[in-house]
Structure formats: structure tokens, C-alpha cells
């Protein structure tokens, strides 16, 4: 299993991305320079990746092209589906013609 943590770097105006492997829901290894190294308690690690704030939107757009969705995307999709069904039910109750 893996874990990703993102922190803001206000000095560089970007985001630090840390990629970990986990064991028992805790980071066990950190990815740096393409190599996973064991996590040592109290040690400060360089980020796996730095993303400039201006490039974040492009990254999100590229992930969307791969049809990768966040948990929040699925929640929004579910809420929209439920709302659509609710509106269809209301149209039926009010004896309005179906919307095409």
C-alpha cells in the first residue's frame, strides 16, 4: 500500500509531494530519486517531487485525461445522480412531461 503527502512550499511557491510505502498504516519507505529508502524516525526527507503552483492545474488535467478520479469526484457524481433522480420524481409527481 502507498501514501502520498503534499505540503505547501511558500518560499518556492509550489507543492512538495512525498510518496511513501506503508506498513501498518505508517510510512515505512520514502521514494527519492526513483529509489525507496527506509523511513527513519525524526529524519527530514527531501520531497519526492516539487510542483510549481502554475503547473498543478496541468497535472490535474493530465490525470483527468487518464480517467483518474478522486474520492471527492465520485461523491460529487453520486450527489448529481441523486439530484437528477429527485428532479425526475418531482416531475412525475407534478405530472409534468419528461425532460428530454
Protein backbone atom coordinates (compact mmCIF):
# COMPACT_ATOMS: atom_id res chain seq x y z
CA UNK A 1 0.00 0.00 0.00
CA UNK A 2 1.12 3.56 -0.52
CA UNK A 3 0.66 7.00 0.91
CA UNK A 4 1.09 10.43 -0.65
CA UNK A 5 1.51 13.58 1.39
CA UNK A 6 1.59 17.10 -0.06
CA UNK A 7 2.82 20.21 1.71
CA UNK A 8 2.93 23.81 0.56
CA UNK A 9 6.33 25.37 -0.01
CA UNK A 10 5.61 29.08 0.29
CA UNK A 11 9.25 30.03 -0.37
CA UNK A 12 9.25 28.34 -3.78
CA UNK A 13 5.53 28.97 -4.48
CA UNK A 14 4.74 25.33 -5.06
CA UNK A 15 3.92 21.97 -3.60
CA UNK A 16 6.21 19.32 -2.12
CA UNK A 17 4.99 15.81 -2.86
CA UNK A 18 6.16 12.88 -0.72
CA UNK A 19 5.47 9.31 -1.84
CA UNK A 20 5.69 6.54 0.74
CA UNK A 21 5.20 2.81 1.01
CA UNK A 22 3.36 1.94 4.19
CA UNK A 23 3.28 -0.84 6.74
CA UNK A 24 0.53 -0.94 9.38
CA UNK A 25 -0.78 2.40 8.03
CA UNK A 26 2.52 4.15 8.76
CA UNK A 27 5.22 5.24 6.30
CA UNK A 28 7.89 2.56 6.03
CA UNK A 29 9.80 3.72 2.92
CA UNK A 30 10.09 7.06 1.11
CA UNK A 31 10.66 7.48 -2.64
CA UNK A 32 13.57 9.72 -3.65
CA UNK A 33 15.46 9.69 -6.94
CA UNK A 34 13.47 6.64 -8.05
CA UNK A 35 14.56 4.55 -5.04
CA UNK A 36 12.58 3.63 -1.94
CA UNK A 37 14.59 4.04 1.25
CA UNK A 38 13.55 3.01 4.77
CA UNK A 39 11.98 5.83 6.80
CA UNK A 40 13.98 6.74 9.90
CA UNK A 41 12.15 8.31 12.84
CA UNK A 42 12.90 12.03 13.18
CA UNK A 43 14.79 12.32 9.87
CA UNK A 44 13.76 15.12 7.48
CA UNK A 45 13.40 13.99 3.87
CA UNK A 46 13.58 15.86 0.61
CA UNK A 47 10.29 15.75 -1.29
CA UNK A 48 9.85 13.07 -3.92
CA UNK A 49 8.66 15.77 -6.29
CA UNK A 50 8.25 19.54 -6.32
CA UNK A 51 5.44 21.00 -8.43
CA UNK A 52 5.31 24.70 -9.22
CA UNK A 53 1.92 26.21 -8.35
CA UNK A 54 1.44 27.21 -12.00
CA UNK A 55 1.85 23.57 -13.13
CA UNK A 56 -0.60 21.99 -10.66
CA UNK A 57 -3.66 22.59 -12.85
CA UNK A 58 -1.89 20.99 -15.83
CA UNK A 59 -1.06 17.95 -13.70
CA UNK A 60 -4.68 17.62 -12.56
CA UNK A 61 -5.89 17.95 -16.16
CA UNK A 62 -3.49 15.22 -17.31
CA UNK A 63 -4.67 12.89 -14.52
CA UNK A 64 -8.28 13.55 -15.57
CA UNK A 65 -7.39 12.57 -19.16
CA UNK A 66 -6.38 9.18 -17.76
CA UNK A 67 -9.84 8.98 -16.16
CA UNK A 68 -8.32 9.02 -12.68
CA UNK A 69 -10.84 10.33 -10.20
CA UNK A 70 -10.55 11.32 -6.59
CA UNK A 71 -12.88 10.11 -3.86
CA UNK A 72 -14.40 13.59 -3.94
CA UNK A 73 -15.14 13.26 -7.70
CA UNK A 74 -17.14 10.09 -7.01
CA UNK A 75 -19.06 11.80 -4.19
CA UNK A 76 -19.96 14.71 -6.47
CA UNK A 77 -21.05 12.30 -9.20
CA UNK A 78 -23.27 10.46 -6.70
CA UNK A 79 -24.85 13.68 -5.45
CA UNK A 80 -25.57 14.82 -9.00
CA UNK A 81 -27.14 11.45 -9.86
CA UNK A 82 -29.33 11.56 -6.76
CA UNK A 83 -30.39 15.13 -7.56
CA UNK A 84 -31.28 14.15 -11.12
CA UNK A 85 -33.42 11.22 -9.89
CA UNK A 86 -35.09 13.51 -7.34
CA UNK A 87 -35.97 16.05 -10.04
CA UNK A 88 -37.36 13.28 -12.26
CA UNK A 89 -39.52 12.09 -9.35
CA UNK A 90 -40.80 15.64 -8.79
CA UNK A 91 -41.67 15.99 -12.48
CA UNK A 92 -43.65 12.75 -12.22
CA UNK A 93 -45.46 13.87 -9.03
CA UNK A 94 -46.32 17.23 -10.57
CA UNK A 95 -47.46 15.47 -13.77
CA UNK A 96 -45.01 17.41 -15.90
CA UNK A 97 -43.83 15.89 -19.17
CA UNK A 98 -40.48 14.07 -19.00
CA UNK A 99 -37.50 16.25 -19.80
CA UNK A 100 -35.67 15.22 -22.96
